[in-house]
Protein backbone atom coordinates (compact mmCIF):
# COMPACT_ATOMS: atom_id res chain seq x y z
CA MET A 1 -63.03 3.22 93.08
CA LYS A 2 -62.68 0.89 90.11
CA ILE A 3 -62.66 -2.90 89.98
CA PRO A 4 -59.86 -4.30 87.77
CA GLU A 5 -61.11 -5.08 84.28
CA ARG A 6 -60.21 -8.78 84.46
CA PHE A 7 -62.80 -9.35 87.19
CA HIS A 8 -65.77 -8.13 85.16
CA ALA A 9 -65.95 -11.40 83.20
CA PHE A 10 -64.22 -13.50 85.83
CA PRO A 11 -65.68 -17.06 85.84
CA PRO A 12 -66.50 -18.06 89.44
CA TYR A 13 -65.78 -21.49 90.85
CA THR A 14 -68.99 -23.37 91.64
CA PRO A 15 -68.68 -24.92 95.10
CA ILE A 16 -70.67 -27.83 96.52
CA GLU A 17 -73.30 -26.94 99.11
CA PRO A 18 -73.10 -28.28 102.71
CA PHE A 19 -75.67 -30.50 104.38
CA GLU A 20 -77.51 -27.74 106.21
CA VAL A 21 -78.10 -25.81 102.96
CA LEU A 22 -79.06 -28.96 101.10
CA SER A 23 -81.48 -30.01 103.84
CA PHE A 24 -83.32 -26.70 103.60
CA ARG A 25 -83.35 -26.64 99.80
CA LEU A 26 -84.40 -30.27 99.34
CA GLY A 27 -86.75 -30.41 102.32
CA ARG A 28 -84.98 -33.51 103.64
CA ALA A 29 -83.12 -34.29 106.86
CA PRO A 30 -79.35 -34.80 106.42
CA ASN A 31 -79.69 -38.53 107.05
CA GLU A 32 -82.15 -38.72 104.13
CA ILE A 33 -79.64 -37.27 101.66
CA VAL A 34 -77.27 -39.51 99.70
CA LYS A 35 -74.41 -37.09 99.11
CA LEU A 36 -72.24 -38.31 96.23
CA ASP A 37 -71.31 -34.98 94.66
CA ALA A 38 -68.08 -33.84 96.37
CA ASN A 39 -65.86 -36.94 96.83
CA GLU A 40 -66.14 -36.70 100.60
CA ASN A 41 -65.27 -39.71 102.74
CA PRO A 42 -68.59 -41.08 104.06
CA TYR A 43 -66.85 -42.72 107.02
CA GLY A 44 -65.70 -39.38 108.42
CA PRO A 45 -62.73 -38.68 110.67
CA SER A 46 -60.88 -41.47 112.43
CA PRO A 47 -61.67 -42.27 116.09
CA LEU A 48 -58.42 -40.68 117.27
CA ALA A 49 -59.16 -37.53 115.24
CA LEU A 50 -62.60 -37.25 116.83
CA GLN A 51 -61.05 -37.68 120.29
CA ALA A 52 -58.51 -34.96 119.53
CA LEU A 53 -61.26 -32.59 118.48
CA ALA A 54 -63.29 -33.35 121.60
CA ARG A 55 -60.41 -32.49 123.94
CA LEU A 56 -59.07 -29.32 122.31
CA SER A 57 -57.52 -27.27 125.09
CA PHE A 58 -56.48 -24.06 123.39
CA ALA A 59 -59.16 -23.20 120.88
CA HIS A 60 -59.11 -19.64 122.23
CA ILE A 61 -55.42 -19.23 121.31
CA TYR A 62 -54.17 -18.49 117.80
CA PRO A 63 -52.60 -21.51 116.12
CA ASP A 64 -48.88 -21.95 115.47
CA PRO A 65 -48.21 -19.92 112.29
CA GLU A 66 -45.62 -22.50 111.22
CA SER A 67 -47.74 -25.59 112.03
CA ARG A 68 -44.62 -27.13 113.57
CA ALA A 69 -46.28 -30.07 115.31
CA LEU A 70 -48.22 -30.97 112.18
CA ARG A 71 -45.20 -30.61 109.92
CA ALA A 72 -43.14 -32.78 112.26
CA ALA A 73 -45.81 -35.48 112.08
CA LEU A 74 -45.93 -35.11 108.29
CA ALA A 75 -42.16 -35.43 108.08
CA GLY A 76 -42.43 -38.77 109.85
CA PHE A 77 -45.28 -39.85 107.59
CA THR A 78 -43.72 -38.80 104.29
CA GLY A 79 -40.00 -39.04 104.96
CA ILE A 80 -39.65 -35.44 103.78
CA PRO A 81 -37.69 -32.93 105.92
CA MET A 82 -39.87 -30.42 107.73
CA GLU A 83 -38.05 -27.63 105.89
CA ASN A 84 -39.63 -28.74 102.61
CA LEU A 85 -43.17 -29.07 103.99
CA LEU A 86 -45.84 -26.41 104.22
CA ALA A 87 -49.35 -26.92 105.58
CA GLY A 88 -52.38 -25.09 104.27
CA SER A 89 -56.08 -24.56 104.66
CA GLY A 90 -56.67 -27.40 102.25
CA ALA A 91 -54.50 -27.92 99.18
CA ASP A 92 -56.62 -25.19 97.57
CA GLU A 93 -54.81 -22.54 99.59
CA LEU A 94 -51.46 -23.90 98.50
CA ILE A 95 -52.45 -23.77 94.82
CA ASP A 96 -53.26 -20.10 95.22
CA LEU A 97 -50.07 -19.49 97.21
CA ILE A 98 -47.87 -21.07 94.53
CA LEU A 99 -49.36 -18.87 91.84
CA ARG A 100 -49.28 -15.76 94.00
CA ALA A 101 -45.55 -16.32 94.51
CA LEU A 102 -44.66 -17.07 90.89
CA LEU A 103 -46.92 -15.16 88.53
CA GLU A 104 -46.45 -11.72 87.12
CA PRO A 105 -49.46 -10.32 85.21
CA GLY A 106 -49.80 -12.16 81.92
CA ASP A 107 -47.62 -15.13 82.90
CA ARG A 108 -48.92 -18.43 81.62
CA VAL A 109 -50.12 -21.58 83.38
CA VAL A 110 -50.74 -24.87 81.57
CA ILE A 111 -53.61 -27.16 82.58
CA CYS A 112 -55.04 -30.30 80.96
CA PRO A 113 -58.83 -30.17 80.97
CA PRO A 114 -61.11 -31.57 81.94
CA THR A 115 -59.43 -31.28 85.33
CA PHE A 116 -59.75 -29.65 88.74
CA GLY A 117 -61.23 -26.19 88.31
CA MET A 118 -59.13 -24.41 90.94
CA TYR A 119 -56.01 -24.45 88.76
CA ALA A 120 -57.60 -22.15 86.18
CA PHE A 121 -59.50 -20.19 88.84
CA ASP A 122 -56.39 -19.32 90.82
CA ALA A 123 -54.29 -18.64 87.73
CA ARG A 124 -56.82 -16.05 86.56
CA LEU A 125 -57.23 -14.70 90.10
CA ASN A 126 -53.49 -14.00 90.13
CA ALA A 127 -53.59 -12.24 86.73
CA GLY A 128 -52.20 -15.22 84.84
CA GLN A 129 -53.18 -16.59 81.45
CA VAL A 130 -54.52 -20.15 81.28
CA ILE A 131 -53.22 -22.36 78.46
CA GLU A 132 -55.42 -25.42 77.99
CA VAL A 133 -54.12 -28.63 76.46
CA ASN A 134 -57.17 -30.87 76.29
CA ARG A 135 -56.99 -34.51 77.21
CA ARG A 136 -57.77 -37.17 74.66
CA ALA A 137 -61.25 -38.71 74.44
CA ASP A 138 -60.20 -41.43 76.92
CA PHE A 139 -58.89 -38.72 79.32
CA SER A 140 -55.26 -39.69 78.78
CA LEU A 141 -52.66 -36.93 78.50
CA ASP A 142 -51.55 -35.65 75.13
CA VAL A 143 -47.92 -35.41 76.21
CA ASP A 144 -46.65 -34.26 72.81
CA ALA A 145 -49.16 -31.42 72.79
CA ILE A 146 -48.25 -30.45 76.36
CA CYS A 147 -44.55 -30.36 75.50
CA ALA A 148 -45.29 -28.27 72.42
CA ALA A 149 -47.41 -25.85 74.46
CA VAL A 150 -44.66 -25.49 77.07
CA ARG A 151 -42.06 -24.74 74.40
CA ARG A 152 -44.37 -22.30 72.63
CA GLU A 153 -45.99 -20.52 75.59
CA GLN A 154 -43.13 -20.70 78.12
CA PRO A 155 -45.45 -21.09 81.14
CA ARG A 156 -44.29 -20.69 84.70
CA VAL A 157 -46.35 -23.63 86.01
CA LEU A 158 -47.86 -26.89 84.75
CA PHE A 159 -50.60 -28.44 86.91
CA LEU A 160 -51.30 -32.15 86.79
CA ALA A 161 -53.80 -33.99 89.00
CA VAL A 162 -52.63 -37.53 89.82
CA PRO A 163 -55.21 -39.18 89.65
CA ASN A 164 -57.12 -36.66 87.60
CA ASN A 165 -60.38 -35.13 88.77
CA PRO A 166 -63.08 -35.64 87.39
CA ASP A 167 -62.28 -38.91 85.58
CA GLY A 168 -59.87 -40.69 87.94
CA SER A 169 -57.21 -41.50 85.34
CA LEU A 170 -53.53 -41.90 86.18
CA PRO A 171 -50.77 -40.76 83.83
CA LEU A 172 -48.09 -43.30 82.98
CA PRO A 173 -44.82 -42.97 84.94
CA GLU A 174 -42.93 -42.26 81.74
CA GLU A 175 -45.37 -39.46 80.92
CA ILE A 176 -44.68 -37.77 84.24
CA GLU A 177 -40.95 -38.19 83.67
CA ALA A 178 -41.24 -36.59 80.25
CA LEU A 179 -43.05 -33.59 81.72
CA LEU A 180 -40.58 -33.27 84.59
CA GLY A 181 -37.84 -33.18 81.95
CA LEU A 182 -39.23 -29.98 80.40
CA PRO A 183 -36.98 -26.97 81.03
CA ASP A 184 -38.01 -23.81 82.87
CA VAL A 185 -41.46 -24.92 84.02
CA LEU A 186 -42.52 -25.86 87.55
CA VAL A 187 -44.57 -29.07 87.60
CA VAL A 188 -47.19 -29.29 90.34
CA LEU A 189 -48.48 -32.83 90.96
CA ASP A 190 -51.75 -32.68 92.86
CA GLU A 191 -52.06 -36.03 94.63
CA ALA A 192 -55.40 -35.36 96.35
CA TYR A 193 -56.65 -38.86 95.45
CA ILE A 194 -53.41 -40.85 95.28
CA GLU A 195 -54.38 -42.94 98.33
CA PHE A 196 -57.20 -44.58 96.35
CA SER A 197 -55.07 -45.81 93.45
CA ALA A 198 -55.27 -49.57 93.04
CA ALA A 199 -51.52 -50.12 92.58
CA GLY A 200 -50.43 -47.42 94.99
CA GLY A 201 -49.94 -49.53 98.09
CA ARG A 202 -51.70 -48.99 101.39
CA LEU A 203 -52.04 -45.19 101.10
CA GLY A 204 -50.50 -44.42 97.74
CA GLU A 205 -46.90 -44.73 98.91
CA ARG A 206 -45.87 -46.71 95.81
CA LEU A 207 -47.01 -44.04 93.38
CA THR A 208 -46.42 -40.75 95.15
CA ARG A 209 -43.61 -38.55 93.88
CA ILE A 210 -43.35 -36.65 97.14
CA GLY A 211 -39.99 -38.24 97.94
CA GLN A 212 -38.48 -36.75 94.77
CA VAL A 213 -39.11 -33.11 95.64
CA SER A 214 -35.80 -32.68 97.47
CA GLN A 215 -33.95 -33.99 94.39
CA ARG A 216 -35.79 -31.88 91.78
CA ASP A 217 -35.94 -28.11 91.63
CA ASN A 218 -38.97 -28.13 89.32
CA LEU A 219 -41.37 -30.35 91.29
CA ILE A 220 -44.07 -29.64 93.86
CA VAL A 221 -46.34 -32.35 95.28
CA LEU A 222 -49.61 -31.45 97.00
CA ARG A 223 -51.59 -33.73 99.31
CA THR A 224 -54.74 -33.34 101.40
CA PHE A 225 -56.49 -34.83 104.42
CA SER A 226 -59.92 -34.12 102.91
CA LYS A 227 -60.49 -37.43 101.12
CA TRP A 228 -58.62 -40.37 102.67
CA ALA A 229 -58.73 -38.97 106.23
CA GLY A 230 -62.29 -37.64 106.12
CA LEU A 231 -61.37 -34.09 107.15
CA ALA A 232 -62.86 -32.12 104.25
CA GLY A 233 -64.82 -29.87 106.63
CA LEU A 234 -61.70 -28.88 108.56
CA ARG A 235 -59.65 -27.78 105.52
CA VAL A 236 -56.15 -29.11 105.98
CA GLY A 237 -53.65 -30.01 103.27
CA TYR A 238 -49.91 -29.91 102.77
CA GLY A 239 -47.27 -29.77 100.12
CA ALA A 240 -43.63 -30.62 99.55
CA PHE A 241 -41.72 -27.75 97.94
CA PRO A 242 -38.21 -27.24 96.58
CA ALA A 243 -35.89 -25.32 98.89
CA TRP A 244 -35.61 -22.29 96.59
CA LEU A 245 -39.36 -21.62 96.83
CA THR A 246 -40.14 -22.17 100.51
CA PRO A 247 -38.71 -18.87 101.86
CA VAL A 248 -41.07 -16.88 99.64
CA LEU A 249 -44.07 -19.04 100.57
CA TRP A 250 -43.40 -18.47 104.26
CA LYS A 251 -43.31 -14.71 103.68
CA ILE A 252 -46.58 -14.44 101.77
CA LYS A 253 -48.85 -17.02 103.38
CA GLN A 254 -51.56 -15.99 105.83
CA PRO A 255 -50.07 -16.17 109.35
CA TYR A 256 -52.66 -18.43 110.99
CA ASN A 257 -53.80 -20.47 108.00
CA VAL A 258 -54.26 -23.87 109.67
CA SER A 259 -56.63 -23.85 112.64
CA VAL A 260 -55.89 -25.59 115.92
CA ALA A 261 -58.80 -27.97 115.26
CA ALA A 262 -57.55 -28.89 111.78
CA SER A 263 -54.01 -29.37 113.01
CA ALA A 264 -55.05 -31.55 115.96
CA ALA A 265 -57.28 -33.73 113.81
CA ALA A 266 -54.62 -34.16 111.13
CA ILE A 267 -51.93 -35.13 113.65
CA ALA A 268 -54.30 -37.63 115.27
CA SER A 269 -55.15 -39.05 111.84
CA LEU A 270 -51.47 -39.80 111.28
CA ASP A 271 -51.58 -41.81 114.51
CA ASP A 272 -54.62 -43.76 113.26
CA LEU A 273 -53.34 -44.95 109.89
CA ASP A 274 -54.52 -48.54 110.25
CA VAL A 275 -58.12 -47.45 110.72
CA LEU A 276 -57.99 -44.95 107.88
CA ALA A 277 -56.22 -47.34 105.52
CA GLY A 278 -58.95 -49.88 106.24
CA ARG A 279 -61.59 -47.34 105.28
CA VAL A 280 -59.74 -46.52 102.08
CA GLU A 281 -59.77 -50.23 101.23
CA LEU A 282 -63.52 -50.34 101.84
CA LEU A 283 -63.98 -47.47 99.41
CA LYS A 284 -61.75 -49.12 96.81
CA GLN A 285 -63.79 -52.32 97.10
CA GLU A 286 -67.02 -50.35 96.83
CA ARG A 287 -65.65 -48.54 93.80
CA SER A 288 -65.35 -51.89 92.02
CA ARG A 289 -68.91 -52.85 92.95
CA LEU A 290 -70.24 -49.42 91.97
CA PHE A 291 -68.48 -49.58 88.61
CA GLN A 292 -70.07 -52.97 87.87
CA LYS A 293 -73.51 -51.67 88.84
CA LEU A 294 -73.13 -48.51 86.76
CA SER A 295 -71.94 -50.55 83.78
CA ALA A 296 -75.25 -52.42 83.84
CA ILE A 297 -77.26 -49.18 83.45
CA PRO A 298 -77.97 -49.04 79.68
CA TYR A 299 -77.69 -45.27 79.33
CA LEU A 300 -74.44 -44.88 81.30
CA GLN A 301 -70.86 -45.44 80.26
CA PRO A 302 -68.69 -45.31 83.41
CA VAL A 303 -65.01 -44.44 83.06
CA PRO A 304 -62.50 -46.66 84.97
CA SER A 305 -61.20 -44.69 87.94
CA GLN A 306 -58.26 -44.74 90.34
CA ALA A 307 -59.92 -42.26 92.71
CA ASN A 308 -62.96 -42.30 95.01
CA PHE A 309 -65.36 -41.27 92.26
CA ILE A 310 -66.53 -42.47 88.85
CA LEU A 311 -67.32 -40.28 85.86
CA ASN A 312 -70.15 -41.47 83.63
CA ARG A 313 -70.99 -40.53 80.06
CA VAL A 314 -74.76 -40.27 79.70
CA ALA A 315 -76.85 -41.12 76.60
CA GLY A 316 -80.62 -41.15 76.11
CA VAL A 317 -81.21 -38.54 78.80
CA ALA A 318 -79.68 -35.10 79.27
CA ALA A 319 -76.99 -35.21 81.95
CA PRO A 320 -78.25 -32.09 83.79
CA ASP A 321 -81.79 -33.53 83.78
CA LEU A 322 -80.45 -36.75 85.27
CA LYS A 323 -78.62 -34.79 87.97
CA ASN A 324 -81.79 -32.83 88.81
CA ASP A 325 -83.96 -35.97 88.77
CA LEU A 326 -81.66 -37.65 91.28
CA ALA A 327 -81.51 -34.53 93.44
CA GLY A 328 -85.30 -34.57 93.64
CA GLN A 329 -84.95 -37.99 95.26
CA GLY A 330 -82.30 -36.78 97.69
CA ILE A 331 -79.39 -38.28 95.76
CA LEU A 332 -76.72 -35.76 94.82
CA VAL A 333 -74.21 -36.26 92.01
CA ARG A 334 -71.94 -33.76 90.24
CA TYR A 335 -72.66 -32.18 86.88
CA TYR A 336 -70.24 -29.79 85.19
CA HIS A 337 -71.52 -26.96 83.00
CA THR A 338 -68.58 -27.24 80.62
CA PRO A 339 -68.47 -28.30 76.95
CA LEU A 340 -66.03 -31.17 77.58
CA LEU A 341 -68.35 -32.71 80.19
CA ALA A 342 -71.78 -31.66 78.95
CA ASP A 343 -72.86 -35.32 78.66
CA ALA A 344 -71.38 -36.57 81.93
CA VAL A 345 -72.08 -36.86 85.65
CA ARG A 346 -69.58 -37.75 88.35
CA VAL A 347 -70.53 -40.01 91.24
CA SER A 348 -68.55 -40.24 94.47
CA VAL A 349 -67.94 -43.68 95.96
CA GLY A 350 -69.97 -44.02 99.13
CA ARG A 351 -71.04 -46.82 101.43
CA PRO A 352 -72.79 -49.93 100.09
CA LEU A 353 -76.19 -48.53 101.12
CA ASP A 354 -75.41 -45.34 99.18
CA THR A 355 -74.59 -47.40 96.09
CA ASP A 356 -77.82 -49.35 96.45
CA ALA A 357 -79.93 -46.18 96.72
CA LEU A 358 -78.20 -44.62 93.71
CA ILE A 359 -78.58 -47.69 91.50
CA ALA A 360 -82.25 -48.10 92.39
CA ALA A 361 -82.88 -44.48 91.40
CA LEU A 362 -80.89 -44.82 88.16
CA GLU A 363 -82.76 -47.97 87.18
CA ALA A 364 -86.07 -46.10 87.50
CA VAL A 365 -85.05 -43.29 85.14
CA GLU A 366 -86.98 -43.10 81.87
CA VAL A 367 -84.73 -42.61 78.86
CA ASN A 368 -85.39 -41.80 75.23
CA PRO A 369 -85.28 -44.83 72.94
C-alpha cells in the first residue's frame, strides 16, 4: 500500500493541549494553570446548558443526523430558514465539508495570512492548492491584491475570518462588499469571534452577514458556540449556506456529527442569552483593561483587537522564550512557529485574576537592553 505523495510533506495543524495533559506536563493542578492560549471562555457553559447536560435522557441513542431541534433553535436565533442551516462538530468540520464538496485536485483556495490555520490545512487535506495573499503590516486586508489573485488564480473559495484570528482585526464593510462582488468565487466568512466586536451589538448582530446568505449565491457564514457560549469542549458550530450547496453537504457529511450532549447544550445556550451576553460584556471590558496593562509592558506592542484575544509583538526577548518562561510559571499563551508571527505571542482574554497573574509574570521578565 502507498500513501499519496502529498501527505509525505503535509504540514500538521498544531492543536492546543487540554487541562489533563497540561497538568501532567507542568506538574500543576488545573486550578493552578492560567490558560490563555486557546481563546476559550473562562466562564464556561451557561447555567441552563449545564442543567441540560446533567439531565440528558438519551445519551445511549444516536443523535438526530439532521440536528433538527438545534437547527430550529438556530433559525429562531438567526432569522435564517432551517433549510439554509447546517450544524457541525465545531465550525472546523464545516470548513472541511465545504472544501470536500467543492475541490477537485489542484483547485485553488485563497487565504489571507496570518489567519486561522485550518483553512490551509483543510485545503491541502482535500488536494487543493493554497494561494496566500498576505495582510499588511497592520493586519489589514490588501483588497487589491486579493482581487488580483482571484482574477489570476481563479480559486473556488476565499476564506476570511471576521474578526481575524490571531490579531482580532475587522475588515471594513466596503472591503467585504468588494470581495463579495468578485465573480466565480465562494466567499466564506468565518464569524467565530463576531460576538466580541465592540460595535457589533449584544452578540454581534449588527455586524454579522448571516442574514445575507439567502440573497447571495456566493456567500457562506460560519459561527460557533465554542467562544461566546463556552462550549469549546463539546464541539458544536453551524453555518448558513446558499440553497445550491446544501443538498451536497447533506449527502457527504458524517451522519451523526453533532452529539446529543453538544446539541442539548447549544439549544439550552440559546435559551440563556442574557447570561451569556453578560459574560461576553465582561470579557470585552476585561479586554480593554488587559490591553492597557499590556501596553505598559515596555517590550510588548499589543495589537487592538475585536475578539477575545490580543496579539502582541515582542522586542528585547525572543517570543518563544517568553512563551516558555510563562509556561514554566503555569501561564499559557500562544506562540506560532511561522515567519509572519515569529516575534509575536497571542493572549486570550480571561478573568481579572487571570490578567493580574499574567501581568505580574510579564513584569518580572528580564529583557535585553
